[in-house]
Every structure is written in C-alpha cells, then in structure tokens.
Amino acid sequence: MSEILRSAQNDRVRGVSNLATEAVALQFGSRVMTVSETIAAISTPPGEGAIAMVRVSGANAIEIADQIFRGKEKPSRFASHVQHLGEIFSVENRLIDQAVLSIHRTPASYTGEDLVEISCHGGTLVTAKVLEACLHAGARAARPGEFTERAFLNGKMDLTQAEAVIDLIRARTDLALRSATEQLEGRLGDQIRKIRDELVALLAHINASIDFPEEGIAPDEGEALCARLDAIREGIAALLATAHQGRVLREGVRVVIYGATNAGKSSLLNRLLGYDRVIVSDTHGTTRDTIEETVNLDGVPIRLLDTAGLRPSESELESKGIARTEKSLQLADLRLQIADCNAPKPPHFNSQRLSEFNGRPEDDSNKIVVLNKSDLPEDNEWRNFPALRISCLTGEGLPQLQKEILARIRQQNLRAESAVTINTRHRDCLRRALESCDRARSALGQGISQEYVAVDLDQGLRAVGEVIGVVDVEQILDSVFNQFCIGK
C-alpha cells in the first residue's frame, strides 16, 4: 500500500476504538461510560401527577428490582415486557408505595441492557423515595441523556436517532413533530448511510486498484469516476440545503415587530398570540424590553418578538431597550414594520429603518410593512401606500397578515412535504465531507495521482460517518478484498 494511504489508514485504525465515545461526546458531552454500572433515574417530569416512572438499566437492574419489589413472585422470574402489581420497599424494609413493575430483558429494551420500569404514584416525595431505594440497592444516579447514550452505544439507534429523541420531546408544532419522528425512525440515518456506502465503495475501488495492480482491478477513469463522485457530492449538498429548515423547525422563525412608539406593536403581539401577553397603553415608550413568545402558524413555530419603539431618546432605560431592538432586528428572519395609519406618516418613514439608529444598511427582502388602526380614518399621507392594513382592535386584516408571514417563510424553502432536516452538528460534519469531496473532484480534474484522491475521500468518509457515529476501517477493507477472486 502506498505510504500516503498507509499513514492515513493507520491514523484511522488508531482512532476507531475511541470513535464511538468521541461521536457521543458531540451530543452528550465528553465522558467515558462504565458499561458495568447500573443506573437509575426518574423519567417523568418533576411535580405532582397521577403516575410517575422510575427507570433502572444495567447488568444488575433485575437484581435491584428483586431487592425492592414484593409481589406474587420475584421480578427475576417475570416474563419480559409484562407488568406486575406489587409494593416497593426501602432497604430498611419500609413500605414506600404500591406500584407496577415490568422487566425488559436485554437486548429487547430501549437501552439494549436489562431495563426495569417502575410506575408508582406521581407525588414528588414518593417518587424520590422509590429512586432512593433503587440507589441504595446498588444503582447510581443516571447522567442527563445516559439512557439514550447507552441505547446508541449498544447499537439500538444511530446518533441521528438519539438526537431525534430530544427533538421529539421539544417539538412545538406538527411539522417539527413529524420531522423528529421521521428522524427517530431512521430516515435521515438511512440517507447518510447510503452516501457513506457509496463513499466506501468508491474509496475501496481506488485503493484496490492502487495497492494490488496485479489483480487487474481497473479503476473507473475519467467521466465515470467523476460521475460517481459527483453523485455523492450532490447527495451531501441536498442534505446541507435542509440546514436552515432544520433550524426553523427546532428553534422557530424569528419574527421581530418594530416601529415607532405607540404604533401598536404590543397590540399586534397580543392579537397573534390570541391572549393579552403585554400591557397596552397610549403612553409612548411603555415597552422598554424585548418580549418573546411562540405561536404555531400552520405547523411552523413563530418566535414573535415585541420590541421597544424606535425613536431618538434621552432616557437611559429607553435607550437600552432601543439597543435591544436593533440587535433583534439584526438577527431576525422576518421583520414586521408597523405604523399608525391614523396619524401622519413619521418623518422619513420610507427609509425609517435600523440604519437610522446604527448607521448600517438594512436588507428589505424579508420585511413586511403593516399599517395598524385601519378601523379609524386613514391620514392622507398614507393614501395608496403599499402595505398590509390591519386593525388590532377589530382583528381586520389579521388573517391576511398571517398568510403573508407564511408566504415569506415558504420562500425560504420551508415545505411540509420535506420533513427530514439536519441540525447544526450534522451541518458541520457534512460541510467538511463536501469540502473533502470537492478537493478529490478537483484532483481528479487536474489529473493528480489517485493516492491523493483517496486521502481526500477518506477524510470525507470520516466526516460523513460522524453524523451517525460510525467510522469503520474494517468496512473499507472488506469492500477491498471482496473484489478479489476466491483463493487469493
């Protein structure tokens, strides 16, 4: 094997044993897990409720259940995935609660280990006592995300599916829920694995032709080789194009309401939310801080920000509020500039924008001008002015404004039929993968030795594998030697 490839591959072999831990660290934080430890945690939200669940996972989970549970028979004799009624006792033999317990035997459990689920009454104290009994019987308190971390390390899911668990929990709209569900089912992981398999096959073919010329393995050349690589690059680019949509689904679209004082910004926020979130007053400059709330529009989470009115001010407190308005506008996905159509047009309204206050130009491509108080006579200065006219008092024009907001968002390629999206970590991995593939493509076009092409593809393969938490040099070796004839 060429020295360049041998060095690159040796580096990979040295890193393979630590890869899973490194990949998990991207989502769960850097740490080393001792798989022999048994962990326990309360899996339901804190507070009072009808039912709470305590989970125990690990090699000693069933043994711990035998110590604290009393029923018709010991949990170690239970059939898997069957609930049994009994009582939970502390290690001091004190009754804690009546509960339902089920055993989920390895490997058919969420974590891939022996898993015990205890459903007790949902009081804060009783739940804490059940957990305390598990800990005294030999378990340790689980870290955040550790049950899902073990599921990943035990091969029950890939990294994209593990990340989908938290997306599913945090989903605030139907579209975000659908995206998380499809990712949890493995749709994104399947697309990544397809790209990775194509990279493995291409890299293995090039390596085999370089290292074993006597086998007569002729590499694809010219257009054929470039076409295979171009198809891979297109697949990566297509996933990268979903990054913005993924951010929107997970974080929401930042829609900033701004304008002169007393134009109706807070009234508009209350109307879009459907309830009175902000106190409304005729006094100018009452909003001194940025107020944020989320509303669901047609499956899209909208983060509405009500801001301090933009005007020259000598008040230190109001000036700080205006500074926050300016910052919010810089980060906005969509801006709603609102004005009072019953009053004369503010001076320089056509150019009344962020640049008046910080000297920087403003991009108008994602701005909607809204004229409020359409229930009152319109001042002559607004005649034929192109804007959406609404009344926060009567609700007139609000449906049209909501439709326009959604239309502007959909111009940014947010589509309900395209639910699979990548997150920030995926984007970083795929960006590095695409850069490596681009270098390999450039090398091919320049006629550079295929050894250098192989090194670039190897780096791209590692980056793609990081998305799902898999980088396995053995797969490349298997693909290489599968091209040999039997007996070699």
Protein backbone atom coordinates (compact mmCIF):
# COMPACT_ATOMS: atom_id res chain seq x y z
CA MET A 1 0.00 0.00 0.00
CA SER A 2 1.27 3.48 -0.78
CA GLU A 3 2.93 5.34 2.10
CA ILE A 4 0.39 8.16 1.93
CA LEU A 5 -2.56 5.82 2.20
CA ARG A 6 -0.87 3.61 4.78
CA SER A 7 -0.23 6.60 7.04
CA ALA A 8 -3.79 7.85 6.66
CA GLN A 9 -5.23 4.40 7.30
CA ASN A 10 -3.00 3.80 10.34
CA ASP A 11 -4.27 7.06 11.79
CA ARG A 12 -7.79 5.80 11.28
CA VAL A 13 -7.12 2.45 12.90
CA ARG A 14 -5.70 4.17 15.98
CA GLY A 15 -8.82 6.34 16.21
CA VAL A 16 -11.50 3.71 15.56
CA SER A 17 -11.57 2.36 19.12
CA ASN A 18 -12.35 5.83 20.51
CA LEU A 19 -14.68 6.95 17.76
CA ALA A 20 -17.94 5.99 19.40
CA THR A 21 -17.06 7.91 22.55
CA GLU A 22 -15.95 10.92 20.50
CA ALA A 23 -19.13 10.89 18.48
CA VAL A 24 -21.37 10.60 21.53
CA ALA A 25 -19.48 13.48 23.12
CA LEU A 26 -20.77 15.73 20.36
CA GLN A 27 -24.29 15.30 21.68
CA PHE A 28 -23.98 14.19 25.30
CA GLY A 29 -20.71 15.81 26.39
CA SER A 30 -17.24 14.33 26.85
CA ARG A 31 -17.04 11.45 29.30
CA VAL A 32 -16.19 7.77 29.48
CA MET A 33 -19.01 5.40 30.41
CA THR A 34 -18.54 2.31 32.55
CA VAL A 35 -20.99 -0.10 30.98
CA SER A 36 -20.96 -2.43 34.00
CA GLU A 37 -22.63 0.22 36.15
CA THR A 38 -26.37 0.11 36.71
CA ILE A 39 -28.13 3.47 36.51
CA ALA A 40 -31.47 4.77 37.76
CA ALA A 41 -33.49 7.94 37.23
CA ILE A 42 -36.97 9.41 37.39
CA SER A 43 -38.15 9.51 33.77
CA THR A 44 -41.24 11.68 34.21
CA PRO A 45 -41.30 15.46 34.79
CA PRO A 46 -40.95 16.76 38.36
CA GLY A 47 -44.07 17.72 40.27
CA GLU A 48 -47.35 16.04 41.14
CA GLY A 49 -49.23 13.76 38.75
CA ALA A 50 -51.25 10.58 38.60
CA ILE A 51 -48.30 8.34 37.63
CA ALA A 52 -44.51 8.69 37.71
CA MET A 53 -41.91 6.34 36.25
CA VAL A 54 -38.53 5.32 37.62
CA ARG A 55 -36.16 3.51 35.26
CA VAL A 56 -33.25 1.24 36.13
CA SER A 57 -30.85 -0.02 33.44
CA GLY A 58 -27.74 -2.17 33.54
CA ALA A 59 -26.37 -5.58 34.41
CA ASN A 60 -27.78 -5.50 37.96
CA ALA A 61 -31.14 -3.90 37.18
CA ILE A 62 -33.18 -7.07 37.73
CA GLU A 63 -31.25 -7.91 40.91
CA ILE A 64 -32.07 -4.45 42.25
CA ALA A 65 -35.74 -4.99 41.39
CA ASP A 66 -35.69 -8.25 43.38
CA GLN A 67 -34.45 -6.33 46.43
CA ILE A 68 -37.06 -3.57 46.46
CA PHE A 69 -40.19 -5.14 44.88
CA ARG A 70 -42.60 -7.52 46.60
CA GLY A 71 -45.40 -9.23 44.75
CA LYS A 72 -46.62 -12.71 43.90
CA GLU A 73 -43.14 -13.58 42.59
CA LYS A 74 -39.74 -12.00 42.19
CA PRO A 75 -39.09 -9.76 39.19
CA SER A 76 -36.28 -12.10 38.09
CA ARG A 77 -38.99 -14.64 37.28
CA PHE A 78 -41.13 -12.20 35.29
CA ALA A 79 -41.61 -12.64 31.59
CA SER A 80 -40.19 -9.74 29.63
CA HIS A 81 -42.44 -6.77 28.85
CA VAL A 82 -45.22 -7.82 31.26
CA GLN A 83 -46.40 -5.53 34.06
CA HIS A 84 -46.90 -6.85 37.60
CA LEU A 85 -48.58 -5.21 40.58
CA GLY A 86 -46.75 -5.16 43.88
CA GLU A 87 -45.18 -2.95 46.52
CA ILE A 88 -41.90 -1.06 46.70
CA PHE A 89 -39.91 -1.29 49.92
CA SER A 90 -36.84 0.58 51.07
CA VAL A 91 -33.66 -1.27 52.04
CA GLU A 92 -34.75 -0.69 55.64
CA ASN A 93 -37.84 -2.79 54.83
CA ARG A 94 -40.24 0.17 54.97
CA LEU A 95 -43.19 0.30 52.59
CA ILE A 96 -42.89 3.17 50.12
CA ASP A 97 -45.70 2.72 47.59
CA GLN A 98 -47.86 0.32 45.65
CA ALA A 99 -46.51 0.18 42.10
CA VAL A 100 -46.50 -1.63 38.77
CA LEU A 101 -43.14 -3.06 37.66
CA SER A 102 -42.05 -4.51 34.34
CA ILE A 103 -38.83 -6.17 33.19
CA HIS A 104 -37.38 -5.57 29.70
CA ARG A 105 -34.65 -8.11 29.13
CA THR A 106 -31.58 -7.50 27.01
CA PRO A 107 -31.36 -6.96 24.10
CA ALA A 108 -35.06 -6.19 23.58
CA SER A 109 -35.10 -2.97 25.59
CA TYR A 110 -34.69 0.73 24.95
CA THR A 111 -31.10 0.75 26.17
CA GLY A 112 -30.15 -2.71 24.89
CA GLU A 113 -29.49 -3.73 28.53
CA ASP A 114 -31.70 -5.26 31.19
CA LEU A 115 -34.18 -2.48 31.93
CA VAL A 116 -36.66 -2.14 34.80
CA GLU A 117 -39.56 0.30 34.71
CA ILE A 118 -41.42 1.14 37.91
CA SER A 119 -44.72 3.03 37.63
CA CYS A 120 -45.60 4.50 41.02
CA HIS A 121 -47.89 7.26 42.22
CA GLY A 122 -46.84 10.66 40.94
CA GLY A 123 -46.11 12.53 44.15
CA THR A 124 -42.83 14.38 44.42
CA LEU A 125 -41.78 12.70 47.66
CA VAL A 126 -42.94 9.16 46.86
CA THR A 127 -41.14 9.23 43.52
CA ALA A 128 -37.95 10.43 45.18
CA LYS A 129 -38.24 7.63 47.74
CA VAL A 130 -38.59 4.97 45.02
CA LEU A 131 -35.50 6.32 43.28
CA GLU A 132 -33.65 6.42 46.62
CA ALA A 133 -34.49 2.75 47.17
CA CYS A 134 -33.01 1.88 43.76
CA LEU A 135 -29.84 3.81 44.55
CA HIS A 136 -29.44 2.18 47.97
CA ALA A 137 -29.89 -1.24 46.34
CA GLY A 138 -26.86 -0.69 44.12
CA ALA A 139 -27.71 1.65 41.25
CA ARG A 140 -26.19 5.07 40.70
CA ALA A 141 -27.95 8.22 39.56
CA ALA A 142 -28.02 8.48 35.76
CA ARG A 143 -26.50 11.45 33.98
CA PRO A 144 -28.61 13.57 31.60
CA GLY A 145 -29.25 11.59 28.42
CA GLU A 146 -27.47 8.46 29.68
CA PHE A 147 -30.29 6.04 28.90
CA THR A 148 -30.31 7.18 25.27
CA GLU A 149 -26.50 7.26 25.27
CA ARG A 150 -26.46 3.59 26.21
CA ALA A 151 -29.03 2.86 23.52
CA PHE A 152 -26.62 4.36 20.99
CA LEU A 153 -23.54 2.59 22.35
CA ASN A 154 -25.41 -0.72 22.36
CA GLY A 155 -26.44 -0.32 18.72
CA LYS A 156 -30.13 0.32 19.31
CA MET A 157 -30.00 3.58 17.36
CA ASP A 158 -27.55 5.78 15.49
CA LEU A 159 -26.58 9.29 16.56
CA THR A 160 -29.22 10.98 14.40
CA GLN A 161 -31.92 8.89 16.07
CA ALA A 162 -30.52 9.68 19.51
CA GLU A 163 -30.67 13.39 18.70
CA ALA A 164 -34.22 12.93 17.41
CA VAL A 165 -35.35 11.85 20.88
CA ILE A 166 -34.77 15.31 22.32
CA ASP A 167 -36.22 16.94 19.18
CA LEU A 168 -39.36 14.82 19.66
CA ILE A 169 -39.69 15.93 23.28
CA ARG A 170 -39.18 19.60 22.40
CA ALA A 171 -41.39 19.68 19.28
CA ARG A 172 -43.88 22.55 19.44
CA THR A 173 -45.67 22.10 16.11
CA ASP A 174 -46.99 19.25 13.98
CA LEU A 175 -44.28 19.81 11.36
CA ALA A 176 -41.50 19.74 13.97
CA LEU A 177 -43.03 16.61 15.47
CA ARG A 178 -43.16 14.94 12.07
CA SER A 179 -39.54 15.82 11.37
CA ALA A 180 -38.40 14.41 14.72
CA THR A 181 -40.49 11.26 14.25
CA GLU A 182 -39.06 10.54 10.81
CA GLN A 183 -35.53 11.11 12.09
CA LEU A 184 -36.22 8.78 15.04
CA GLU A 185 -37.43 6.15 12.57
CA GLY A 186 -34.05 6.41 10.85
CA ARG A 187 -34.91 8.27 7.64
CA LEU A 188 -32.01 10.72 7.96
CA GLY A 189 -29.69 7.95 9.09
CA ASP A 190 -30.66 5.90 6.04
CA GLN A 191 -29.74 8.77 3.73
CA ILE A 192 -26.41 9.23 5.49
CA ARG A 193 -25.65 5.51 5.31
CA LYS A 194 -26.42 5.48 1.59
CA ILE A 195 -23.93 8.30 1.00
CA ARG A 196 -21.40 6.58 3.24
CA ASP A 197 -21.78 3.24 1.43
CA GLU A 198 -21.17 4.97 -1.90
CA LEU A 199 -18.06 6.63 -0.49
CA VAL A 200 -16.83 3.31 0.91
CA ALA A 201 -17.31 1.60 -2.44
CA LEU A 202 -15.56 4.37 -4.35
CA LEU A 203 -12.65 4.58 -1.90
CA ALA A 204 -12.26 0.81 -1.78
CA HIS A 205 -12.18 0.61 -5.58
CA ILE A 206 -9.48 3.27 -5.82
CA ASN A 207 -7.43 1.71 -3.01
CA ALA A 208 -7.63 -1.74 -4.55
CA SER A 209 -6.50 -0.52 -7.96
CA ILE A 210 -3.54 1.31 -6.36
CA ASP A 211 -2.39 -1.38 -3.94
CA PHE A 212 -3.00 -4.54 -5.90
CA PRO A 213 -2.33 -3.79 -9.58
CA GLU A 214 -1.53 -7.45 -10.20
CA GLU A 215 -5.18 -8.33 -9.52
CA GLY A 216 -6.22 -6.46 -12.61
CA ILE A 217 -8.71 -4.24 -10.79
CA ALA A 218 -9.03 -1.37 -13.22
CA PRO A 219 -10.28 1.84 -11.65
CA ASP A 220 -13.07 3.82 -13.19
CA GLU A 221 -11.44 6.58 -15.14
CA GLY A 222 -12.34 9.99 -16.49
CA GLU A 223 -16.04 10.74 -16.68
CA ALA A 224 -17.15 7.51 -15.00
CA LEU A 225 -15.13 8.17 -11.84
CA CYS A 226 -16.13 11.83 -11.78
CA ALA A 227 -19.81 10.90 -12.22
CA ARG A 228 -19.72 8.61 -9.19
CA LEU A 229 -18.10 11.31 -7.08
CA ASP A 230 -20.47 13.99 -8.37
CA ALA A 231 -23.46 11.88 -7.32
CA ILE A 232 -22.05 11.67 -3.80
CA ARG A 233 -21.42 15.41 -3.69
CA GLU A 234 -24.97 16.12 -4.84
CA GLY A 235 -26.38 13.89 -2.09
CA ILE A 236 -24.36 15.71 0.58
CA ALA A 237 -25.31 19.13 -0.84
CA ALA A 238 -29.00 18.19 -0.81
CA LEU A 239 -28.84 17.41 2.90
CA LEU A 240 -26.88 20.58 3.63
CA ALA A 241 -29.67 22.56 1.96
CA THR A 242 -32.05 21.46 4.75
CA ALA A 243 -29.96 23.10 7.49
CA HIS A 244 -31.98 26.32 7.52
CA GLN A 245 -35.25 24.41 7.61
CA GLY A 246 -33.94 22.32 10.48
CA ARG A 247 -33.11 25.43 12.46
CA VAL A 248 -36.58 26.82 11.84
CA LEU A 249 -38.30 23.60 12.94
CA ARG A 250 -36.20 23.28 16.09
CA GLU A 251 -35.86 26.93 17.11
CA GLY A 252 -38.69 28.70 15.27
CA VAL A 253 -38.74 31.62 12.83
CA ARG A 254 -37.62 34.86 14.49
CA VAL A 255 -40.26 37.46 13.59
CA VAL A 256 -39.48 40.90 15.04
CA ILE A 257 -42.23 43.51 15.38
CA TYR A 258 -40.76 47.02 15.30
CA GLY A 259 -41.64 50.60 14.51
CA ALA A 260 -42.32 53.96 16.12
CA THR A 261 -43.69 54.22 19.65
CA ASN A 262 -47.43 53.74 20.15
CA ALA A 263 -47.91 52.21 16.68
CA GLY A 264 -49.50 49.03 18.05
CA LYS A 265 -46.59 46.62 18.31
CA SER A 266 -47.69 45.13 21.63
CA SER A 267 -51.31 45.01 20.46
CA LEU A 268 -50.23 43.05 17.38
CA LEU A 269 -48.28 40.58 19.54
CA ASN A 270 -51.35 40.03 21.73
CA ARG A 271 -53.55 39.53 18.66
CA LEU A 272 -51.24 36.98 17.04
CA LEU A 273 -50.92 35.09 20.33
CA GLY A 274 -54.66 35.12 20.97
CA TYR A 275 -54.35 36.46 24.52
CA ASP A 276 -53.13 39.58 26.34
CA ARG A 277 -49.46 38.88 26.95
CA VAL A 278 -48.29 42.52 27.04
CA ILE A 279 -49.85 45.52 28.78
CA VAL A 280 -51.02 48.03 26.18
CA SER A 281 -51.04 51.78 26.88
CA ASP A 282 -51.50 55.01 24.92
CA THR A 283 -48.38 56.34 26.64
CA HIS A 284 -45.37 56.45 24.34
CA GLY A 285 -42.34 54.29 25.12
CA THR A 286 -44.03 51.89 27.58
CA THR A 287 -42.25 48.83 26.13
CA ARG A 288 -38.68 49.06 27.39
CA ASP A 289 -37.54 45.46 26.87
CA THR A 290 -37.81 42.75 24.21
CA ILE A 291 -40.67 40.32 24.88
CA GLU A 292 -40.68 36.94 23.13
CA GLU A 293 -43.47 34.39 22.73
CA THR A 294 -44.05 31.46 20.34
CA VAL A 295 -47.13 30.87 18.20
CA ASN A 296 -47.95 27.99 15.84
CA LEU A 297 -48.87 29.07 12.32
CA ASP A 298 -49.78 26.19 10.01
CA GLY A 299 -47.28 23.86 11.67
CA VAL A 300 -44.44 26.40 11.73
CA PRO A 301 -43.19 27.70 15.09
CA ILE A 302 -43.07 31.50 15.00
CA ARG A 303 -40.98 33.28 17.64
CA LEU A 304 -42.64 36.69 17.94
CA LEU A 305 -40.54 39.47 19.44
CA ASP A 306 -42.19 42.68 20.62
CA THR A 307 -39.57 45.44 20.83
CA ALA A 308 -39.12 48.92 22.23
CA GLY A 309 -40.29 51.69 19.91
CA LEU A 310 -37.60 53.19 17.68
CA ARG A 311 -37.19 56.90 18.31
CA PRO A 312 -34.44 59.28 19.48
CA SER A 313 -34.48 59.17 23.28
CA GLU A 314 -32.60 60.80 26.12
CA SER A 315 -33.84 58.24 28.63
CA GLU A 316 -31.08 55.78 29.54
CA LEU A 317 -33.61 52.99 30.19
CA GLU A 318 -35.45 53.52 26.90
CA SER A 319 -32.15 53.79 25.02
CA LYS A 320 -31.16 50.36 26.32
CA GLY A 321 -34.48 48.99 25.07
CA ILE A 322 -33.90 50.53 21.64
CA ALA A 323 -30.42 48.97 21.56
CA ARG A 324 -32.03 45.57 22.16
CA THR A 325 -34.46 46.28 19.34
CA GLU A 326 -31.55 46.94 17.00
CA LYS A 327 -29.88 43.68 18.00
CA SER A 328 -33.11 41.73 17.50
CA LEU A 329 -33.55 43.21 14.03
CA GLN A 330 -30.06 42.11 13.03
CA LEU A 331 -30.91 38.50 13.96
CA ALA A 332 -34.45 38.47 12.57
CA ASP A 333 -35.63 36.01 9.92
CA LEU A 334 -38.59 38.27 9.17
CA ARG A 335 -39.35 41.86 10.23
CA LEU A 336 -42.78 43.44 10.67
CA GLN A 337 -42.51 47.22 10.48
CA ILE A 338 -45.69 48.67 11.95
CA ALA A 339 -47.07 52.21 11.80
CA ASP A 340 -50.25 54.07 12.81
CA CYS A 341 -52.21 54.87 9.64
CA ASN A 342 -54.48 57.22 11.58
CA ALA A 343 -51.55 59.54 12.29
CA PRO A 344 -49.36 61.40 9.78
CA LYS A 345 -46.54 59.42 8.28
CA PRO A 346 -43.47 59.64 10.53
CA PRO A 347 -40.60 61.65 9.04
CA HIS A 348 -38.56 59.59 6.60
CA PHE A 349 -40.84 56.55 7.09
CA ASN A 350 -39.85 55.09 3.71
CA SER A 351 -36.30 54.92 4.99
CA GLN A 352 -37.16 54.55 8.68
CA ARG A 353 -35.06 51.53 9.42
CA LEU A 354 -32.27 50.22 11.54
CA SER A 355 -29.68 52.27 9.63
CA GLU A 356 -31.12 55.47 11.13
CA PHE A 357 -30.01 54.32 14.55
CA ASN A 358 -26.77 52.40 13.95
CA GLY A 359 -25.60 53.69 10.56
CA ARG A 360 -25.74 50.24 8.89
CA PRO A 361 -27.89 49.44 5.82
CA GLU A 362 -30.93 47.20 6.24
CA ASP A 363 -31.97 44.34 3.95
CA ASP A 364 -35.63 44.82 2.96
CA SER A 365 -36.03 41.39 1.33
CA ASN A 366 -37.74 39.95 4.42
CA LYS A 367 -39.70 42.93 5.68
CA ILE A 368 -43.49 43.35 5.76
CA VAL A 369 -44.86 46.86 6.25
CA VAL A 370 -48.04 46.86 8.36
CA LEU A 371 -50.38 49.83 8.84
CA ASN A 372 -52.36 49.47 12.06
CA LYS A 373 -55.66 51.09 13.18
CA SER A 374 -57.42 50.60 9.84
CA ASP A 375 -60.72 50.91 11.74
CA LEU A 376 -60.01 54.65 12.02
CA PRO A 377 -59.86 57.20 9.18
CA GLU A 378 -56.60 56.94 7.29
CA ASP A 379 -54.39 60.00 7.15
CA ASN A 380 -53.96 61.41 3.62
CA GLU A 381 -50.22 60.83 3.76
CA TRP A 382 -50.86 57.06 3.68
CA ARG A 383 -53.10 57.17 0.62
CA ASN A 384 -52.04 54.48 -1.92
CA PHE A 385 -49.13 53.50 0.28
CA PRO A 386 -48.27 49.81 -0.41
CA ALA A 387 -48.71 47.97 2.89
CA LEU A 388 -50.90 45.46 4.69
CA ARG A 389 -53.67 47.24 6.60
CA ILE A 390 -54.89 45.74 9.84
CA SER A 391 -56.78 46.68 12.97
CA CYS A 392 -55.54 45.15 16.21
CA LEU A 393 -58.76 46.37 17.82
CA THR A 394 -61.23 44.60 15.49
CA GLY A 395 -58.96 41.89 14.02
CA GLU A 396 -59.46 43.16 10.49
CA GLY A 397 -56.60 42.13 8.18
CA LEU A 398 -55.02 39.70 10.66
CA PRO A 399 -55.72 36.58 8.52
CA GLN A 400 -54.09 38.28 5.52
CA LEU A 401 -51.05 39.18 7.63
CA GLN A 402 -50.70 35.59 8.83
CA LYS A 403 -50.87 34.33 5.24
CA GLU A 404 -48.20 36.82 4.19
CA ILE A 405 -45.93 35.77 7.06
CA LEU A 406 -46.25 32.12 6.00
CA ALA A 407 -45.68 33.03 2.35
CA ARG A 408 -42.44 34.83 3.21
CA ILE A 409 -41.29 31.86 5.30
CA ARG A 410 -42.06 29.41 2.50
CA GLN A 411 -39.96 31.49 0.16
CA GLN A 412 -37.10 30.26 2.34
CA ASN A 413 -37.80 26.65 1.25
CA LEU A 414 -39.73 25.53 4.31
CA ARG A 415 -42.07 22.85 2.99
CA ALA A 416 -44.31 20.48 4.91
CA GLU A 417 -43.51 17.68 2.46
CA SER A 418 -39.79 17.87 3.27
CA ALA A 419 -39.62 16.92 6.92
CA VAL A 420 -36.13 15.40 7.12
CA THR A 421 -33.71 18.10 8.21
CA ILE A 422 -30.22 18.34 9.64
CA ASN A 423 -29.09 20.15 12.76
CA THR A 424 -26.02 22.29 13.41
CA ARG A 425 -23.77 19.32 14.23
CA HIS A 426 -24.84 17.45 11.10
CA ARG A 427 -24.20 20.57 9.03
CA ASP A 428 -20.64 20.87 10.31
CA CYS A 429 -19.88 17.21 9.55
CA LEU A 430 -21.44 17.34 6.09
CA ARG A 431 -19.76 20.63 5.26
CA ARG A 432 -16.38 19.08 5.98
CA ALA A 433 -17.35 16.00 3.98
CA LEU A 434 -18.36 18.11 0.99
CA GLU A 435 -15.12 20.11 1.16
CA SER A 436 -13.13 16.86 1.12
CA CYS A 437 -15.12 15.53 -1.83
CA ASP A 438 -14.67 18.84 -3.64
CA ARG A 439 -10.90 18.55 -3.20
CA ALA A 440 -11.00 15.00 -4.51
CA ARG A 441 -13.05 16.13 -7.51
CA SER A 442 -10.60 18.94 -8.22
CA ALA A 443 -7.68 16.49 -8.00
CA LEU A 444 -9.37 14.20 -10.49
CA GLY A 445 -9.94 17.09 -12.88
CA GLN A 446 -6.30 18.06 -12.67
CA GLY A 447 -5.07 14.52 -13.24
CA ILE A 448 -3.41 14.32 -9.81
CA SER A 449 -2.42 10.86 -8.57
CA GLN A 450 -5.33 8.80 -7.24
CA GLU A 451 -3.42 8.30 -3.99
CA TYR A 452 -4.17 11.93 -3.13
CA VAL A 453 -7.78 11.47 -4.23
CA ALA A 454 -8.05 8.51 -1.86
CA VAL A 455 -6.79 10.57 1.09
CA ASP A 456 -9.41 13.27 0.45
CA LEU A 457 -12.17 10.68 0.12
CA ASP A 458 -11.00 9.06 3.35
CA GLN A 459 -11.41 12.37 5.17
CA GLY A 460 -14.84 12.82 3.62
CA LEU A 461 -15.83 9.33 4.74
CA ARG A 462 -14.84 10.08 8.32
CA ALA A 463 -16.86 13.29 8.33
CA VAL A 464 -19.97 11.56 6.96
CA GLY A 465 -19.57 8.75 9.49
CA GLU A 466 -19.50 11.24 12.35
CA VAL A 467 -23.12 12.15 11.60
CA ILE A 468 -24.35 8.70 12.60
CA GLY A 469 -21.43 7.87 14.89
CA VAL A 470 -19.78 5.26 12.64
CA VAL A 471 -16.34 5.25 11.08
CA ASP A 472 -15.12 1.70 10.50
CA VAL A 473 -11.91 0.94 8.62
CA GLU A 474 -12.87 -2.73 8.53
CA GLN A 475 -15.75 -1.98 6.18
CA ILE A 476 -13.33 -0.48 3.66
CA LEU A 477 -11.02 -3.47 3.95
CA ASP A 478 -13.92 -5.87 3.43
CA SER A 479 -15.02 -3.95 0.37
CA VAL A 480 -11.47 -4.01 -1.00
CA PHE A 481 -10.88 -7.73 -0.61
CA ASN A 482 -14.35 -8.71 -1.80
CA GLN A 483 -13.14 -7.66 -5.23
CA PHE A 484 -10.50 -10.43 -5.19
CA CYS A 485 -11.07 -13.81 -6.73
CA ILE A 486 -11.70 -16.80 -4.40
CA GLY A 487 -8.47 -18.39 -3.23
CA LYS A 488 -6.40 -15.25 -3.21
